[in-house]
Amino acid sequence: MKIFERNKEIRQLKGNLPIWVIAEKLGIHENTLYRKLRKELHESEKKEIIKIIKSLKATFKEEE
């Protein structure tokens, strides 16, 4: 598995959303999130991050 294929769904869904915004919602530092994404996440962690990304994107759309 190539490094850029790990957590591919999260990386694609994230789009241009800053990583620090996602990390802030998770209650962790952005560097911690970068490190977590280096390895394939457990499904439960993946689902939590995906849920946060979708929530943040919906919030940003409402503000536009």
N, C-alpha and C. Protein backbone atom coordinates (compact mmCIF):
# COMPACT_ATOMS: atom_id res chain seq x y z
N MET A 1 0.86 -1.18 0.00
CA MET A 1 0.00 0.00 0.00
C MET A 1 0.90 1.24 0.00
N LYS A 2 0.63 2.12 -0.92
CA LYS A 2 1.40 3.36 -0.99
C LYS A 2 0.98 4.30 0.13
N ILE A 3 1.89 5.13 0.55
CA ILE A 3 1.63 6.04 1.67
C ILE A 3 0.46 6.97 1.39
N PHE A 4 0.29 7.39 0.15
CA PHE A 4 -0.78 8.34 -0.16
C PHE A 4 -2.13 7.65 -0.30
N GLU A 5 -2.14 6.33 -0.27
CA GLU A 5 -3.39 5.59 -0.34
C GLU A 5 -3.95 5.30 1.05
N ARG A 6 -3.15 5.50 2.07
CA ARG A 6 -3.64 5.28 3.42
C ARG A 6 -4.66 6.36 3.76
N ASN A 7 -5.77 5.95 4.30
CA ASN A 7 -6.85 6.87 4.68
C ASN A 7 -7.27 7.77 3.51
N LYS A 8 -7.27 7.18 2.34
CA LYS A 8 -7.56 7.91 1.11
C LYS A 8 -8.93 8.59 1.16
N GLU A 9 -9.91 7.89 1.71
CA GLU A 9 -11.26 8.45 1.79
C GLU A 9 -11.26 9.75 2.59
N ILE A 10 -10.54 9.78 3.69
CA ILE A 10 -10.46 10.98 4.52
C ILE A 10 -9.75 12.10 3.77
N ARG A 11 -8.65 11.78 3.13
CA ARG A 11 -7.88 12.78 2.39
C ARG A 11 -8.71 13.40 1.26
N GLN A 12 -9.47 12.57 0.55
CA GLN A 12 -10.30 13.08 -0.54
C GLN A 12 -11.46 13.91 -0.01
N LEU A 13 -12.12 13.42 1.01
CA LEU A 13 -13.26 14.12 1.59
C LEU A 13 -12.84 15.46 2.19
N LYS A 14 -11.68 15.49 2.78
CA LYS A 14 -11.15 16.71 3.40
C LYS A 14 -11.04 17.84 2.39
N GLY A 15 -10.63 17.52 1.19
CA GLY A 15 -10.49 18.55 0.16
C GLY A 15 -9.58 19.66 0.61
N ASN A 16 -10.04 20.91 0.53
CA ASN A 16 -9.21 22.04 0.92
C ASN A 16 -9.50 22.51 2.35
N LEU A 17 -10.20 21.70 3.12
CA LEU A 17 -10.47 22.01 4.52
C LEU A 17 -9.16 21.90 5.30
N PRO A 18 -8.77 22.95 6.02
CA PRO A 18 -7.50 22.90 6.75
C PRO A 18 -7.47 21.80 7.80
N ILE A 19 -6.35 21.11 7.88
CA ILE A 19 -6.22 20.00 8.81
C ILE A 19 -6.33 20.47 10.26
N TRP A 20 -5.91 21.70 10.52
CA TRP A 20 -5.96 22.20 11.90
C TRP A 20 -7.40 22.35 12.38
N VAL A 21 -8.33 22.63 11.47
CA VAL A 21 -9.73 22.78 11.85
C VAL A 21 -10.29 21.42 12.29
N ILE A 22 -9.95 20.40 11.55
CA ILE A 22 -10.40 19.04 11.89
C ILE A 22 -9.79 18.62 13.22
N ALA A 23 -8.50 18.86 13.37
CA ALA A 23 -7.80 18.49 14.60
C ALA A 23 -8.39 19.22 15.81
N GLU A 24 -8.73 20.48 15.63
CA GLU A 24 -9.32 21.27 16.72
C GLU A 24 -10.62 20.64 17.19
N LYS A 25 -11.45 20.21 16.24
CA LYS A 25 -12.71 19.55 16.59
C LYS A 25 -12.48 18.22 17.30
N LEU A 26 -11.40 17.53 16.96
CA LEU A 26 -11.06 16.27 17.61
C LEU A 26 -10.43 16.49 18.98
N GLY A 27 -9.99 17.72 19.23
CA GLY A 27 -9.35 18.02 20.50
C GLY A 27 -7.89 17.60 20.55
N ILE A 28 -7.26 17.57 19.37
CA ILE A 28 -5.85 17.20 19.29
C ILE A 28 -5.10 18.25 18.47
N HIS A 29 -3.77 18.21 18.54
CA HIS A 29 -2.94 19.12 17.75
C HIS A 29 -2.91 18.65 16.30
N GLU A 30 -2.77 19.58 15.37
CA GLU A 30 -2.76 19.20 13.96
C GLU A 30 -1.64 18.23 13.62
N ASN A 31 -0.49 18.36 14.27
CA ASN A 31 0.61 17.42 14.01
C ASN A 31 0.24 16.00 14.43
N THR A 32 -0.54 15.88 15.49
CA THR A 32 -1.00 14.57 15.93
C THR A 32 -1.89 13.94 14.87
N LEU A 33 -2.76 14.75 14.27
CA LEU A 33 -3.63 14.23 13.22
C LEU A 33 -2.82 13.82 11.99
N TYR A 34 -1.83 14.64 11.62
CA TYR A 34 -0.96 14.26 10.50
C TYR A 34 -0.29 12.91 10.77
N ARG A 35 0.19 12.71 12.00
CA ARG A 35 0.84 11.44 12.35
C ARG A 35 -0.13 10.29 12.29
N LYS A 36 -1.36 10.51 12.78
CA LYS A 36 -2.37 9.45 12.76
C LYS A 36 -2.67 9.02 11.32
N LEU A 37 -2.70 9.98 10.41
CA LEU A 37 -3.05 9.68 9.02
C LEU A 37 -1.95 8.94 8.27
N ARG A 38 -0.77 8.85 8.86
CA ARG A 38 0.33 8.12 8.21
C ARG A 38 0.06 6.61 8.15
N LYS A 39 -0.71 6.12 9.13
CA LYS A 39 -1.06 4.70 9.16
C LYS A 39 -2.56 4.57 8.96
N GLU A 40 -2.98 3.45 8.44
CA GLU A 40 -4.41 3.21 8.22
C GLU A 40 -5.12 3.22 9.57
N LEU A 41 -6.17 4.03 9.68
CA LEU A 41 -6.91 4.17 10.93
C LEU A 41 -7.89 3.02 11.13
N HIS A 42 -8.26 2.78 12.37
CA HIS A 42 -9.33 1.84 12.69
C HIS A 42 -10.64 2.43 12.18
N GLU A 43 -11.58 1.58 11.86
CA GLU A 43 -12.86 2.03 11.31
C GLU A 43 -13.57 3.04 12.20
N SER A 44 -13.52 2.82 13.51
CA SER A 44 -14.21 3.73 14.43
C SER A 44 -13.60 5.13 14.37
N GLU A 45 -12.27 5.21 14.30
CA GLU A 45 -11.59 6.51 14.20
C GLU A 45 -11.90 7.17 12.87
N LYS A 46 -11.89 6.36 11.82
CA LYS A 46 -12.20 6.88 10.48
C LYS A 46 -13.60 7.49 10.45
N LYS A 47 -14.56 6.76 11.00
CA LYS A 47 -15.94 7.23 10.99
C LYS A 47 -16.08 8.54 11.76
N GLU A 48 -15.38 8.66 12.88
CA GLU A 48 -15.43 9.88 13.68
C GLU A 48 -14.88 11.07 12.89
N ILE A 49 -13.75 10.87 12.22
CA ILE A 49 -13.13 11.95 11.45
C ILE A 49 -14.00 12.32 10.26
N ILE A 50 -14.56 11.33 9.58
CA ILE A 50 -15.44 11.59 8.44
C ILE A 50 -16.67 12.38 8.88
N LYS A 51 -17.23 12.00 10.01
CA LYS A 51 -18.39 12.71 10.56
C LYS A 51 -18.04 14.19 10.83
N ILE A 52 -16.87 14.42 11.41
CA ILE A 52 -16.44 15.79 11.70
C ILE A 52 -16.23 16.58 10.41
N ILE A 53 -15.60 15.97 9.42
CA ILE A 53 -15.36 16.66 8.15
C ILE A 53 -16.68 17.06 7.50
N LYS A 54 -17.63 16.13 7.47
CA LYS A 54 -18.94 16.43 6.87
C LYS A 54 -19.64 17.54 7.63
N SER A 55 -19.55 17.52 8.94
CA SER A 55 -20.15 18.56 9.77
C SER A 55 -19.51 19.92 9.50
N LEU A 56 -18.20 19.95 9.43
CA LEU A 56 -17.49 21.21 9.17
C LEU A 56 -17.82 21.76 7.79
N LYS A 57 -17.87 20.88 6.79
CA LYS A 57 -18.20 21.33 5.44
C LYS A 57 -19.61 21.90 5.39
N ALA A 58 -20.53 21.28 6.08
CA ALA A 58 -21.91 21.79 6.12
C ALA A 58 -21.95 23.15 6.80
N THR A 59 -21.18 23.32 7.86
CA THR A 59 -21.10 24.60 8.57
C THR A 59 -20.54 25.68 7.67
N PHE A 60 -19.47 25.37 6.95
CA PHE A 60 -18.85 26.36 6.06
C PHE A 60 -19.79 26.75 4.91
N LYS A 61 -20.59 25.81 4.43
CA LYS A 61 -21.55 26.11 3.36
C LYS A 61 -22.61 27.07 3.86
N GLU A 62 -23.06 26.88 5.10
CA GLU A 62 -24.08 27.76 5.68
C GLU A 62 -23.55 29.17 5.84
N GLU A 63 -22.26 29.34 6.11
CA GLU A 63 -21.69 30.65 6.34
C GLU A 63 -21.48 31.42 5.04
N GLU A 64 -21.41 30.72 3.91
CA GLU A 64 -21.17 31.39 2.62
C GLU A 64 -22.35 32.14 2.13
